[in-house]
Amino acid sequence: SVEQAQGSTNIRDLHTDINKKYALVFGNEVKG
């Protein structure tokens, strides 16, 4: 989930695994 949340990871520190598939969730413009 792309959200400002407790314990979220700074995108600069994101590590991906090329053997995994990712679903990126973007929320409502007001409620997230």
Full PDB file with SEQRES, HELIX, SHEET, SSBOND, CRYST1, ORIGX, SCALE, CONECT and MASTER records, all heavy atoms in Angstrom:
SEQRES   1 A   32  SER VAL GLU GLN ALA GLN GLY SER THR ASN ILE ARG ASP          
SEQRES   2 A   32  LEU HIS THR ASP ILE ASN LYS LYS TYR ALA LEU VAL PHE          
SEQRES   3 A   32  GLY ASN GLU VAL LYS GLY                                      
HELIX    1 AA1 ILE A   11  ASP A   13  5                                   3    
CRYST1    1.000    1.000    1.000  90.00  90.00  90.00 P 1           1          
ORIGX1      1.000000  0.000000  0.000000        0.00000                         
ORIGX2      0.000000  1.000000  0.000000        0.00000                         
ORIGX3      0.000000  0.000000  1.000000        0.00000                         
SCALE1      1.000000  0.000000  0.000000        0.00000                         
SCALE2      0.000000  1.000000  0.000000        0.00000                         
SCALE3      0.000000  0.000000  1.000000        0.00000                         
ATOM      1  N   SER A   1       0.852  -1.187   0.000  1.00  0.00           N  
ATOM      2  CA  SER A   1       0.000   0.000   0.000  1.00  0.00           C  
ATOM      3  C   SER A   1       0.887   1.236   0.000  1.00  0.00           C  
ATOM      4  O   SER A   1       1.912   1.289   0.687  1.00  0.00           O  
ATOM      5  CB  SER A   1      -0.914   0.007   1.228  1.00  0.00           C  
ATOM      6  OG  SER A   1      -1.942  -0.942   1.058  1.00  0.00           O  
ATOM      7  N   VAL A   2       0.487   2.219  -0.780  1.00  0.00           N  
ATOM      8  CA  VAL A   2       1.212   3.483  -0.832  1.00  0.00           C  
ATOM      9  C   VAL A   2       0.447   4.437   0.078  1.00  0.00           C  
ATOM     10  O   VAL A   2      -0.629   4.925  -0.267  1.00  0.00           O  
ATOM     11  CB  VAL A   2       1.299   4.013  -2.281  1.00  0.00           C  
ATOM     12  CG1 VAL A   2       2.058   5.327  -2.321  1.00  0.00           C  
ATOM     13  CG2 VAL A   2       1.949   2.966  -3.185  1.00  0.00           C  
ATOM     14  N   GLU A   3       1.004   4.622   1.267  1.00  0.00           N  
ATOM     15  CA  GLU A   3       0.275   5.376   2.292  1.00  0.00           C  
ATOM     16  C   GLU A   3       1.235   5.835   3.377  1.00  0.00           C  
ATOM     17  O   GLU A   3       2.222   5.159   3.672  1.00  0.00           O  
ATOM     18  CB  GLU A   3      -0.803   4.480   2.916  1.00  0.00           C  
ATOM     19  CG  GLU A   3      -1.726   5.164   3.888  1.00  0.00           C  
ATOM     20  CD  GLU A   3      -2.488   6.312   3.266  1.00  0.00           C  
ATOM     21  OE1 GLU A   3      -3.491   6.069   2.560  1.00  0.00           O  
ATOM     22  OE2 GLU A   3      -2.073   7.469   3.471  1.00  0.00           O  
ATOM     23  N   GLN A   4       0.926   6.971   3.966  1.00  0.00           N  
ATOM     24  CA  GLN A   4       1.661   7.432   5.134  1.00  0.00           C  
ATOM     25  C   GLN A   4       1.065   6.691   6.324  1.00  0.00           C  
ATOM     26  O   GLN A   4      -0.065   6.955   6.723  1.00  0.00           O  
ATOM     27  CB  GLN A   4       1.512   8.950   5.288  1.00  0.00           C  
ATOM     28  CG  GLN A   4       2.123   9.698   4.125  1.00  0.00           C  
ATOM     29  CD  GLN A   4       1.690  11.160   4.074  1.00  0.00           C  
ATOM     30  OE1 GLN A   4       0.610  11.516   4.522  1.00  0.00           O  
ATOM     31  NE2 GLN A   4       2.529  11.988   3.498  1.00  0.00           N  
ATOM     32  N   ALA A   5       1.829   5.755   6.842  1.00  0.00           N  
ATOM     33  CA  ALA A   5       1.320   4.904   7.916  1.00  0.00           C  
ATOM     34  C   ALA A   5       2.448   4.588   8.893  1.00  0.00           C  
ATOM     35  O   ALA A   5       3.629   4.639   8.527  1.00  0.00           O  
ATOM     36  CB  ALA A   5       0.756   3.606   7.336  1.00  0.00           C  
ATOM     37  N   GLN A   6       2.061   4.250  10.089  1.00  0.00           N  
ATOM     38  CA  GLN A   6       3.040   3.856  11.098  1.00  0.00           C  
ATOM     39  C   GLN A   6       3.833   2.665  10.568  1.00  0.00           C  
ATOM     40  O   GLN A   6       3.253   1.670  10.115  1.00  0.00           O  
ATOM     41  CB  GLN A   6       2.311   3.490  12.386  1.00  0.00           C  
ATOM     42  CG  GLN A   6       3.226   3.198  13.541  1.00  0.00           C  
ATOM     43  CD  GLN A   6       2.433   2.909  14.806  1.00  0.00           C  
ATOM     44  OE1 GLN A   6       1.297   2.443  14.757  1.00  0.00           O  
ATOM     45  NE2 GLN A   6       3.040   3.184  15.938  1.00  0.00           N  
ATOM     46  N   GLY A   7       5.144   2.778  10.583  1.00  0.00           N  
ATOM     47  CA  GLY A   7       5.996   1.683  10.132  1.00  0.00           C  
ATOM     48  C   GLY A   7       6.168   1.587   8.631  1.00  0.00           C  
ATOM     49  O   GLY A   7       6.735   0.613   8.141  1.00  0.00           O  
ATOM     50  N   SER A   8       5.701   2.586   7.894  1.00  0.00           N  
ATOM     51  CA  SER A   8       5.857   2.525   6.443  1.00  0.00           C  
ATOM     52  C   SER A   8       7.332   2.655   6.069  1.00  0.00           C  
ATOM     53  O   SER A   8       8.145   3.193   6.816  1.00  0.00           O  
ATOM     54  CB  SER A   8       5.030   3.603   5.753  1.00  0.00           C  
ATOM     55  OG  SER A   8       5.496   4.884   6.113  1.00  0.00           O  
ATOM     56  N   THR A   9       7.671   2.145   4.886  1.00  0.00           N  
ATOM     57  CA  THR A   9       9.037   2.175   4.365  1.00  0.00           C  
ATOM     58  C   THR A   9       9.199   3.374   3.446  1.00  0.00           C  
ATOM     59  O   THR A   9       8.373   3.579   2.554  1.00  0.00           O  
ATOM     60  CB  THR A   9       9.326   0.873   3.573  1.00  0.00           C  
ATOM     61  OG1 THR A   9       9.170  -0.244   4.446  1.00  0.00           O  
ATOM     62  CG2 THR A   9      10.719   0.880   2.981  1.00  0.00           C  
ATOM     63  N   ASN A  10      10.241   4.132   3.661  1.00  0.00           N  
ATOM     64  CA  ASN A  10      10.569   5.225   2.756  1.00  0.00           C  
ATOM     65  C   ASN A  10      10.878   4.607   1.394  1.00  0.00           C  
ATOM     66  O   ASN A  10      11.614   3.625   1.300  1.00  0.00           O  
ATOM     67  CB  ASN A  10      11.784   5.978   3.300  1.00  0.00           C  
ATOM     68  CG  ASN A  10      12.134   7.197   2.491  1.00  0.00           C  
ATOM     69  OD1 ASN A  10      12.189   7.156   1.263  1.00  0.00           O  
ATOM     70  ND2 ASN A  10      12.413   8.284   3.190  1.00  0.00           N  
ATOM     71  N   ILE A  11      10.316   5.153   0.340  1.00  0.00           N  
ATOM     72  CA  ILE A  11      10.494   4.571  -0.993  1.00  0.00           C  
ATOM     73  C   ILE A  11      11.973   4.464  -1.369  1.00  0.00           C  
ATOM     74  O   ILE A  11      12.361   3.561  -2.108  1.00  0.00           O  
ATOM     75  CB  ILE A  11       9.684   5.333  -2.056  1.00  0.00           C  
ATOM     76  CG1 ILE A  11       9.601   4.508  -3.336  1.00  0.00           C  
ATOM     77  CG2 ILE A  11      10.247   6.721  -2.289  1.00  0.00           C  
ATOM     78  CD1 ILE A  11       8.578   4.999  -4.326  1.00  0.00           C  
ATOM     79  N   ARG A  12      12.815   5.348  -0.847  1.00  0.00           N  
ATOM     80  CA  ARG A  12      14.255   5.271  -1.131  1.00  0.00           C  
ATOM     81  C   ARG A  12      14.867   4.010  -0.547  1.00  0.00           C  
ATOM     82  O   ARG A  12      15.897   3.532  -1.031  1.00  0.00           O  
ATOM     83  CB  ARG A  12      14.981   6.490  -0.575  1.00  0.00           C  
ATOM     84  CG  ARG A  12      14.601   7.787  -1.258  1.00  0.00           C  
ATOM     85  CD  ARG A  12      15.292   8.946  -0.598  1.00  0.00           C  
ATOM     86  NE  ARG A  12      14.926   8.950   0.813  1.00  0.00           N  
ATOM     87  CZ  ARG A  12      15.183   9.917   1.665  1.00  0.00           C  
ATOM     88  NH1 ARG A  12      15.823  10.975   1.272  1.00  0.00           N  
ATOM     89  NH2 ARG A  12      14.791   9.852   2.919  1.00  0.00           N  
ATOM     90  N   ASP A  13      14.254   3.472   0.515  1.00  0.00           N  
ATOM     91  CA  ASP A  13      14.791   2.289   1.185  1.00  0.00           C  
ATOM     92  C   ASP A  13      14.128   0.992   0.729  1.00  0.00           C  
ATOM     93  O   ASP A  13      14.390  -0.075   1.286  1.00  0.00           O  
ATOM     94  CB  ASP A  13      14.610   2.435   2.705  1.00  0.00           C  
ATOM     95  CG  ASP A  13      15.332   3.664   3.246  1.00  0.00           C  
ATOM     96  OD1 ASP A  13      16.412   3.995   2.718  1.00  0.00           O  
ATOM     97  OD2 ASP A  13      14.795   4.291   4.184  1.00  0.00           O  
ATOM     98  N   LEU A  14      13.288   1.094  -0.264  1.00  0.00           N  
ATOM     99  CA  LEU A  14      12.559  -0.080  -0.758  1.00  0.00           C  
ATOM    100  C   LEU A  14      13.500  -1.044  -1.473  1.00  0.00           C  
ATOM    101  O   LEU A  14      14.286  -0.637  -2.330  1.00  0.00           O  
ATOM    102  CB  LEU A  14      11.457   0.373  -1.725  1.00  0.00           C  
ATOM    103  CG  LEU A  14      10.650  -0.727  -2.398  1.00  0.00           C  
ATOM    104  CD1 LEU A  14       9.846  -1.516  -1.368  1.00  0.00           C  
ATOM    105  CD2 LEU A  14       9.719  -0.111  -3.437  1.00  0.00           C  
ATOM    106  N   HIS A  15      13.411  -2.292  -1.084  1.00  0.00           N  
ATOM    107  CA  HIS A  15      14.165  -3.347  -1.764  1.00  0.00           C  
ATOM    108  C   HIS A  15      13.153  -4.291  -2.407  1.00  0.00           C  
ATOM    109  O   HIS A  15      12.201  -4.712  -1.757  1.00  0.00           O  
ATOM    110  CB  HIS A  15      15.049  -4.115  -0.780  1.00  0.00           C  
ATOM    111  CG  HIS A  15      16.089  -3.250  -0.141  1.00  0.00           C  
ATOM    112  ND1 HIS A  15      17.211  -2.838  -0.807  1.00  0.00           N  
ATOM    113  CD2 HIS A  15      16.149  -2.702   1.090  1.00  0.00           C  
ATOM    114  CE1 HIS A  15      17.937  -2.072  -0.012  1.00  0.00           C  
ATOM    115  NE2 HIS A  15      17.302  -1.969   1.144  1.00  0.00           N  
ATOM    116  N   THR A  16      13.350  -4.584  -3.674  1.00  0.00           N  
ATOM    117  CA  THR A  16      12.445  -5.491  -4.369  1.00  0.00           C  
ATOM    118  C   THR A  16      13.169  -6.784  -4.685  1.00  0.00           C  
ATOM    119  O   THR A  16      14.385  -6.849  -4.695  1.00  0.00           O  
ATOM    120  CB  THR A  16      11.930  -4.862  -5.675  1.00  0.00           C  
ATOM    121  OG1 THR A  16      13.044  -4.566  -6.512  1.00  0.00           O  
ATOM    122  CG2 THR A  16      11.123  -3.607  -5.409  1.00  0.00           C  
ATOM    123  N   ASP A  17      12.394  -7.787  -4.951  1.00  0.00           N  
ATOM    124  CA  ASP A  17      12.902  -9.103  -5.325  1.00  0.00           C  
ATOM    125  C   ASP A  17      12.374  -9.386  -6.722  1.00  0.00           C  
ATOM    126  O   ASP A  17      11.152  -9.447  -6.920  1.00  0.00           O  
ATOM    127  CB  ASP A  17      12.388 -10.136  -4.318  1.00  0.00           C  
ATOM    128  CG  ASP A  17      12.874 -11.552  -4.605  1.00  0.00           C  
ATOM    129  OD1 ASP A  17      13.301 -11.843  -5.742  1.00  0.00           O  
ATOM    130  OD2 ASP A  17      12.801 -12.371  -3.676  1.00  0.00           O  
ATOM    131  N   ILE A  18      13.255  -9.552  -7.684  1.00  0.00           N  
ATOM    132  CA  ILE A  18      12.812  -9.755  -9.062  1.00  0.00           C  
ATOM    133  C   ILE A  18      12.088 -11.086  -9.254  1.00  0.00           C  
ATOM    134  O   ILE A  18      11.515 -11.320 -10.305  1.00  0.00           O  
ATOM    135  CB  ILE A  18      13.957  -9.609 -10.090  1.00  0.00           C  
ATOM    136  CG1 ILE A  18      15.029 -10.671  -9.872  1.00  0.00           C  
ATOM    137  CG2 ILE A  18      14.528  -8.205 -10.052  1.00  0.00           C  
ATOM    138  CD1 ILE A  18      16.063 -10.718 -10.989  1.00  0.00           C  
ATOM    139  N   ASN A  19      12.086 -11.914  -8.223  1.00  0.00           N  
ATOM    140  CA  ASN A  19      11.356 -13.176  -8.301  1.00  0.00           C  
ATOM    141  C   ASN A  19       9.949 -13.070  -7.712  1.00  0.00           C  
ATOM    142  O   ASN A  19       9.232 -14.057  -7.649  1.00  0.00           O  
ATOM    143  CB  ASN A  19      12.141 -14.281  -7.587  1.00  0.00           C  
ATOM    144  CG  ASN A  19      13.468 -14.524  -8.264  1.00  0.00           C  
ATOM    145  OD1 ASN A  19      13.533 -14.709  -9.480  1.00  0.00           O  
ATOM    146  ND2 ASN A  19      14.543 -14.476  -7.498  1.00  0.00           N  
ATOM    147  N   LYS A  20       9.579 -11.873  -7.267  1.00  0.00           N  
ATOM    148  CA  LYS A  20       8.256 -11.664  -6.684  1.00  0.00           C  
ATOM    149  C   LYS A  20       7.391 -10.822  -7.608  1.00  0.00           C  
ATOM    150  O   LYS A  20       7.883 -10.080  -8.450  1.00  0.00           O  
ATOM    151  CB  LYS A  20       8.371 -10.959  -5.327  1.00  0.00           C  
ATOM    152  CG  LYS A  20       8.925 -11.830  -4.234  1.00  0.00           C  
ATOM    153  CD  LYS A  20       8.848 -11.113  -2.910  1.00  0.00           C  
ATOM    154  CE  LYS A  20       9.312 -12.021  -1.785  1.00  0.00           C  
ATOM    155  NZ  LYS A  20       9.193 -11.350  -0.480  1.00  0.00           N  
ATOM    156  N   LYS A  21       6.078 -10.922  -7.376  1.00  0.00           N  
ATOM    157  CA  LYS A  21       5.095 -10.090  -8.065  1.00  0.00           C  
ATOM    158  C   LYS A  21       4.549  -9.113  -7.033  1.00  0.00           C  
ATOM    159  O   LYS A  21       4.338  -9.486  -5.878  1.00  0.00           O  
ATOM    160  CB  LYS A  21       3.956 -10.946  -8.620  1.00  0.00           C  
ATOM    161  CG  LYS A  21       4.410 -12.063  -9.555  1.00  0.00           C  
ATOM    162  CD  LYS A  21       3.242 -12.871 -10.072  1.00  0.00           C  
ATOM    163  CE  LYS A  21       2.580 -13.678  -8.966  1.00  0.00           C  
ATOM    164  NZ  LYS A  21       1.537 -14.597  -9.451  1.00  0.00           N  
ATOM    165  N   TYR A  22       4.301  -7.888  -7.472  1.00  0.00           N  
ATOM    166  CA  TYR A  22       3.852  -6.839  -6.557  1.00  0.00           C  
ATOM    167  C   TYR A  22       2.518  -6.251  -6.994  1.00  0.00           C  
ATOM    168  O   TYR A  22       2.303  -6.015  -8.181  1.00  0.00           O  
ATOM    169  CB  TYR A  22       4.889  -5.716  -6.469  1.00  0.00           C  
ATOM    170  CG  TYR A  22       6.183  -6.165  -5.838  1.00  0.00           C  
ATOM    171  CD1 TYR A  22       7.215  -6.673  -6.610  1.00  0.00           C  
ATOM    172  CD2 TYR A  22       6.362  -6.100  -4.463  1.00  0.00           C  
ATOM    173  CE1 TYR A  22       8.401  -7.101  -6.039  1.00  0.00           C  
ATOM    174  CE2 TYR A  22       7.540  -6.529  -3.878  1.00  0.00           C  
ATOM    175  CZ  TYR A  22       8.565  -7.032  -4.671  1.00  0.00           C  
ATOM    176  OH  TYR A  22       9.729  -7.460  -4.097  1.00  0.00           O  
ATOM    177  N   ALA A  23       1.659  -6.005  -6.016  1.00  0.00           N  
ATOM    178  CA  ALA A  23       0.425  -5.254  -6.241  1.00  0.00           C  
ATOM    179  C   ALA A  23       0.557  -3.974  -5.440  1.00  0.00           C  
ATOM    180  O   ALA A  23       0.731  -4.005  -4.220  1.00  0.00           O  
ATOM    181  CB  ALA A  23      -0.793  -6.050  -5.783  1.00  0.00           C  
ATOM    182  N   LEU A  24       0.516  -2.839  -6.149  1.00  0.00           N  
ATOM    183  CA  LEU A  24       0.624  -1.530  -5.510  1.00  0.00           C  
ATOM    184  C   LEU A  24      -0.770  -0.947  -5.359  1.00  0.00           C  
ATOM    185  O   LEU A  24      -1.480  -0.768  -6.352  1.00  0.00           O  
ATOM    186  CB  LEU A  24       1.480  -0.596  -6.358  1.00  0.00           C  
ATOM    187  CG  LEU A  24       2.903  -1.063  -6.665  1.00  0.00           C  
ATOM    188  CD1 LEU A  24       3.577  -0.100  -7.625  1.00  0.00           C  
ATOM    189  CD2 LEU A  24       3.702  -1.196  -5.384  1.00  0.00           C  
ATOM    190  N   VAL A  25      -1.164  -0.652  -4.129  1.00  0.00           N  
ATOM    191  CA  VAL A  25      -2.502  -0.135  -3.857  1.00  0.00           C  
ATOM    192  C   VAL A  25      -2.424   1.367  -3.618  1.00  0.00           C  
ATOM    193  O   VAL A  25      -1.679   1.835  -2.751  1.00  0.00           O  
ATOM    194  CB  VAL A  25      -3.137  -0.817  -2.628  1.00  0.00           C  
ATOM    195  CG1 VAL A  25      -4.557  -0.293  -2.398  1.00  0.00           C  
ATOM    196  CG2 VAL A  25      -3.127  -2.338  -2.772  1.00  0.00           C  
ATOM    197  N   PHE A  26      -3.197   2.106  -4.413  1.00  0.00           N  
ATOM    198  CA  PHE A  26      -3.317   3.558  -4.269  1.00  0.00           C  
ATOM    199  C   PHE A  26      -4.745   3.861  -3.855  1.00  0.00           C  
ATOM    200  O   PHE A  26      -5.693   3.363  -4.459  1.00  0.00           O  
ATOM    201  CB  PHE A  26      -3.003   4.264  -5.591  1.00  0.00           C  
ATOM    202  CG  PHE A  26      -1.562   4.121  -6.006  1.00  0.00           C  
ATOM    203  CD1 PHE A  26      -1.168   3.069  -6.814  1.00  0.00           C  
ATOM    204  CD2 PHE A  26      -0.614   5.033  -5.582  1.00  0.00           C  
ATOM    205  CE1 PHE A  26       0.151   2.920  -7.203  1.00  0.00           C  
ATOM    206  CE2 PHE A  26       0.715   4.901  -5.971  1.00  0.00           C  
ATOM    207  CZ  PHE A  26       1.099   3.850  -6.777  1.00  0.00           C  
ATOM    208  N   GLY A  27      -4.904   4.715  -2.850  1.00  0.00           N  
ATOM    209  CA  GLY A  27      -6.224   4.985  -2.303  1.00  0.00           C  
ATOM    210  C   GLY A  27      -6.870   6.249  -2.819  1.00  0.00           C  
ATOM    211  O   GLY A  27      -6.325   6.970  -3.659  1.00  0.00           O  
ATOM    212  N   ASN A  28      -8.025   6.500  -2.278  1.00  0.00           N  
ATOM    213  CA  ASN A  28      -8.837   7.673  -2.575  1.00  0.00           C  
ATOM    214  C   ASN A  28      -8.041   8.955  -2.337  1.00  0.00           C  
ATOM    215  O   ASN A  28      -7.230   9.035  -1.417  1.00  0.00           O  
ATOM    216  CB  ASN A  28     -10.076   7.624  -1.672  1.00  0.00           C  
ATOM    217  CG  ASN A  28     -10.950   8.827  -1.785  1.00  0.00           C  
ATOM    218  OD1 ASN A  28     -10.716   9.833  -1.129  1.00  0.00           O  
ATOM    219  ND2 ASN A  28     -11.971   8.719  -2.612  1.00  0.00           N  
ATOM    220  N   GLU A  29      -8.297   9.968  -3.166  1.00  0.00           N  
ATOM    221  CA  GLU A  29      -7.561  11.232  -3.093  1.00  0.00           C  
ATOM    222  C   GLU A  29      -7.681  11.931  -1.746  1.00  0.00           C  
ATOM    223  O   GLU A  29      -6.772  12.668  -1.359  1.00  0.00           O  
ATOM    224  CB  GLU A  29      -8.048  12.188  -4.193  1.00  0.00           C  
ATOM    225  CG  GLU A  29      -7.708  11.758  -5.587  1.00  0.00           C  
ATOM    226  CD  GLU A  29      -8.770  10.929  -6.270  1.00  0.00           C  
ATOM    227  OE1 GLU A  29      -9.600  10.298  -5.567  1.00  0.00           O  
ATOM    228  OE2 GLU A  29      -8.782  10.883  -7.498  1.00  0.00           O  
ATOM    229  N   VAL A  30      -8.753  11.717  -1.021  1.00  0.00           N  
ATOM    230  CA  VAL A  30      -8.940  12.375   0.277  1.00  0.00           C  
ATOM    231  C   VAL A  30      -8.665  11.414   1.433  1.00  0.00           C  
ATOM    232  O   VAL A  30      -7.934  11.739   2.372  1.00  0.00           O  
ATOM    233  CB  VAL A  30     -10.374  12.958   0.401  1.00  0.00           C  
ATOM    234  CG1 VAL A  30     -10.613  13.538   1.786  1.00  0.00           C  
ATOM    235  CG2 VAL A  30     -10.609  14.016  -0.673  1.00  0.00           C  
ATOM    236  N   LYS A  31      -9.228  10.234   1.369  1.00  0.00           N  
ATOM    237  CA  LYS A  31      -9.151   9.282   2.484  1.00  0.00           C  
ATOM    238  C   LYS A  31      -7.952   8.345   2.427  1.00  0.00           C  
ATOM    239  O   LYS A  31      -7.635   7.686   3.409  1.00  0.00           O  
ATOM    240  CB  LYS A  31     -10.437   8.470   2.546  1.00  0.00           C  
ATOM    241  CG  LYS A  31     -11.661   9.312   2.814  1.00  0.00           C  
ATOM    242  CD  LYS A  31     -12.919   8.477   2.805  1.00  0.00           C  
ATOM    243  CE  LYS A  31     -14.133   9.356   3.023  1.00  0.00           C  
ATOM    244  NZ  LYS A  31     -15.377   8.612   2.969  1.00  0.00           N  
ATOM    245  N   GLY A  32      -7.303   8.240   1.280  1.00  0.00           N  
ATOM    246  CA  GLY A  32      -6.149   7.348   1.149  1.00  0.00           C  
ATOM    247  C   GLY A  32      -6.568   5.885   1.090  1.00  0.00           C  
ATOM    248  O   GLY A  32      -7.712   5.551   0.783  1.00  0.00           O  
TER     249      GLY A  32                                                      
MASTER        0    0    0    1    0    0    0    6  248    1    0    3          
END                                                                             
